[in-house]
Amino acid sequence: MAGLSSEGLGLCHCLFGDCGIYLPLSRDFRAEDFSALLKILQIKASIDLTAEQEARYWDALSQRIEGKSRWDQVAPRIIPKDDDLDSQRQYGLSRHVVRNILTRRPYVGFTVDSITYVIEVFNPRNELGLDYVGAGETVIALLLGESEFGKVQRQLIKNELFYRILREFTEVLNSRIAVGMNPSTLATLMLAYQEKRVSPSISPWSFFFALSVMKLPKPVGDVALNRYFKCFQRWDRDRVLLQVNEGLDAELSTRGADAAKLLGMKYVLELHPDWV
């Protein structure tokens, strides 16, 4: 994040610091939706929540849906100093990552095959103050904390249960699209709006990501899809899952851009300042 303005640093502090799946909704997120998603994770993780745990989680998430309790209000931004171990430790504890979220909010994490899943919301009521179409709409974020380094960013394709969970989430929410990205991609995307390098008339969810679940924007045959994507699955309601690499890494390679062109879309990492 070298070279960022103070506004950019503040934005990045509030963005999630772990990989995540983002599911924009065209409706409100209801308590029954939340219970259904929790049930999916409880079954996969073999965990039974008490009614009190679920109620505390929902109450806290409801506050977030209202745009309250932004991360910098929970954990103020810390500027670490190279020669100060305590400031570095405090910085680590202030980061917006799954382990810190579970410490500072009454949420519950569900660990399945070395991934800790947490249900959150992204930019409720446009708490980030960004100018883009749909800012503040309901976006469910399924955060993916790595219990082992690389399980999400490098080896996700090997995790069969992840794809089952994602498929069941999309069925419950019936979101128009679901996209997966790592934190650096999220920062690239949101900084592009903050710095006005992309038109506010363009939805952030209209780009192509490392992982996308959507209806194909134009007809493309299975042979071509299998050639361009490491993972390709056809799901119900004419949805397809498309994954460029084996994980949600953010390599500045042409592979993702080529895959996006196949669909007539723009690859999100083309917004990166170092993209050539």
Foldseek 3Di string as FASTA:
>chain_A
DPPDDPLLVVLLQQFAQWKKKKFFAPDDCDLVLVVQLVVLLCVQLVHDDDPVLSVQQVVQQVCVLQVPDGLCVQAPAQDADPPDVVSVVSNVLSGNYDVNCVVRGSWDWRDHPQWTWTKHWPQACVNSPFQAPPRNGTMIITGTDGSDPCCAAPAVLVPPSVVVSVQSSCVSRVGQKMAIATSVLVSLLRVCRVVVVDDRHDDSVQAHAQKMKHAQLDDDDPVVQVVLAPDWDQDPPNIIIGHRHNHRHDDLDCSQQVVQVVRPHGHSCCSPPPRD
